[in-house]
């Protein structure tokens, strides 16, 4: 957050893990979304957590995509390619629940 606030150049995309030391990703996401100058920056949750409650909260807190990490690096590289393609080709600033989760967990039921 300090880095975002201190830089003149804003990032095109923010990748955020939910499991971070110090401040967890949900709190960080909430702080990012509370600052309206970041509203046009897609926040991609890229994490090893795939609990439906985490996915639901990330959506409610304003994330644009949710991508569960895979144990195989090649699958993560493919996921990153899909993320960039999705961000470039589609509007992810107002995601539908059906398009929110990218990858193997895309068929999760919402609670």
Protein backbone atom coordinates (compact mmCIF):
# COMPACT_ATOMS: atom_id res chain seq x y z
CA UNK A 1 0.00 0.00 0.00
CA UNK A 2 2.84 2.37 0.83
CA UNK A 3 4.43 1.61 -2.53
CA UNK A 4 1.17 2.27 -4.38
CA UNK A 5 0.70 5.55 -2.55
CA UNK A 6 4.27 6.71 -3.16
CA UNK A 7 4.59 6.03 -6.88
CA UNK A 8 3.55 8.39 -9.66
CA UNK A 9 3.15 5.51 -12.09
CA UNK A 10 0.34 3.20 -11.09
CA UNK A 11 0.50 -0.48 -12.05
CA UNK A 12 -1.69 -1.87 -14.83
CA UNK A 13 -2.53 -4.97 -12.77
CA UNK A 14 -2.13 -5.88 -9.09
CA UNK A 15 -1.50 -9.54 -8.25
CA UNK A 16 -2.39 -10.33 -4.67
CA UNK A 17 -1.99 -13.46 -2.57
CA UNK A 18 -4.42 -14.04 0.29
CA UNK A 19 -1.70 -15.68 2.40
CA UNK A 20 0.87 -12.98 3.06
CA UNK A 21 3.03 -12.31 6.09
CA UNK A 22 1.96 -9.37 8.20
CA UNK A 23 -1.23 -8.16 6.57
CA UNK A 24 -3.43 -10.80 4.97
CA UNK A 25 -4.55 -10.40 1.38
CA UNK A 26 -8.19 -9.69 2.21
CA UNK A 27 -7.26 -6.69 4.34
CA UNK A 28 -4.87 -5.48 1.64
CA UNK A 29 -7.58 -5.87 -1.00
CA UNK A 30 -10.01 -3.91 1.15
CA UNK A 31 -7.46 -1.08 1.57
CA UNK A 32 -6.82 -1.01 -2.17
CA UNK A 33 -10.53 -0.82 -2.95
CA UNK A 34 -11.14 1.81 -0.27
CA UNK A 35 -8.79 4.13 -2.19
CA UNK A 36 -10.79 5.30 -5.21
CA UNK A 37 -7.67 6.23 -7.17
CA UNK A 38 -7.09 2.47 -7.64
CA UNK A 39 -10.59 1.63 -8.91
CA UNK A 40 -9.44 1.25 -12.52
CA UNK A 41 -6.64 -1.16 -11.65
CA UNK A 42 -7.65 -4.83 -11.85
CA UNK A 43 -6.76 -6.79 -8.72
CA UNK A 44 -6.11 -10.45 -9.44
CA UNK A 45 -6.16 -12.85 -6.50
CA UNK A 46 -3.51 -15.48 -7.27
CA UNK A 47 -3.38 -17.76 -4.27
CA UNK A 48 -3.20 -21.36 -3.10
CA UNK A 49 -6.48 -20.95 -1.21
CA UNK A 50 -9.58 -22.33 -2.91
CA UNK A 51 -12.14 -22.26 -0.12
CA UNK A 52 -15.51 -21.03 -1.34
CA UNK A 53 -15.71 -18.55 1.55
CA UNK A 54 -12.37 -16.98 0.51
CA UNK A 55 -13.55 -16.75 -3.09
CA UNK A 56 -16.85 -15.18 -2.05
CA UNK A 57 -15.15 -12.63 0.21
CA UNK A 58 -12.58 -11.73 -2.46
CA UNK A 59 -15.45 -11.06 -4.86
CA UNK A 60 -17.34 -9.00 -2.28
CA UNK A 61 -14.20 -7.00 -1.38
CA UNK A 62 -13.72 -6.02 -5.02
CA UNK A 63 -11.22 -8.39 -6.61
CA UNK A 64 -11.55 -8.73 -10.37
CA UNK A 65 -10.40 -12.33 -10.88
CA UNK A 66 -9.65 -15.23 -8.57
CA UNK A 67 -7.07 -17.76 -9.71
CA UNK A 68 -6.10 -20.71 -7.49
CA UNK A 69 -2.41 -21.57 -7.83
CA UNK A 70 -1.46 -25.00 -9.06
CA UNK A 71 1.30 -27.23 -7.72
CA UNK A 72 2.79 -27.49 -11.22
CA UNK A 73 4.68 -24.43 -12.43
CA UNK A 74 3.64 -24.99 -16.05
CA UNK A 75 -0.02 -24.75 -15.03
CA UNK A 76 0.71 -21.50 -13.19
CA UNK A 77 2.42 -20.09 -16.29
CA UNK A 78 -0.64 -21.07 -18.32
CA UNK A 79 -2.87 -19.44 -15.71
CA UNK A 80 -0.86 -16.21 -15.91
CA UNK A 81 -1.24 -16.22 -19.69
CA UNK A 82 -4.99 -16.70 -19.28
CA UNK A 83 -5.11 -13.84 -16.75
CA UNK A 84 -3.30 -11.43 -19.06
CA UNK A 85 -5.45 -12.45 -22.02
CA UNK A 86 -8.61 -12.03 -19.95
CA UNK A 87 -7.56 -8.61 -18.66
CA UNK A 88 -6.57 -7.42 -22.13
CA UNK A 89 -9.61 -8.78 -24.00
CA UNK A 90 -12.44 -8.42 -21.52
CA UNK A 91 -13.68 -5.93 -19.01
CA UNK A 92 -12.80 -7.41 -15.64
CA UNK A 93 -13.48 -4.24 -13.70
CA UNK A 94 -17.07 -5.41 -13.09
CA UNK A 95 -16.78 -9.20 -13.02
CA UNK A 96 -19.74 -11.54 -13.16
CA UNK A 97 -19.67 -14.31 -10.59
CA UNK A 98 -19.65 -16.85 -13.43
CA UNK A 99 -16.40 -15.39 -14.81
CA UNK A 100 -14.76 -14.49 -11.49
CA UNK A 101 -12.86 -17.74 -10.86
CA UNK A 102 -10.39 -18.72 -13.53
CA UNK A 103 -9.15 -22.27 -13.92
CA UNK A 104 -10.03 -25.59 -12.32
CA UNK A 105 -12.31 -24.09 -9.68
CA UNK A 106 -14.45 -22.12 -12.12
CA UNK A 107 -17.39 -24.45 -11.50
CA UNK A 108 -17.52 -23.82 -7.73
CA UNK A 109 -20.95 -23.20 -6.34
CA UNK A 110 -21.52 -19.86 -4.64
CA UNK A 111 -22.78 -19.98 -1.07
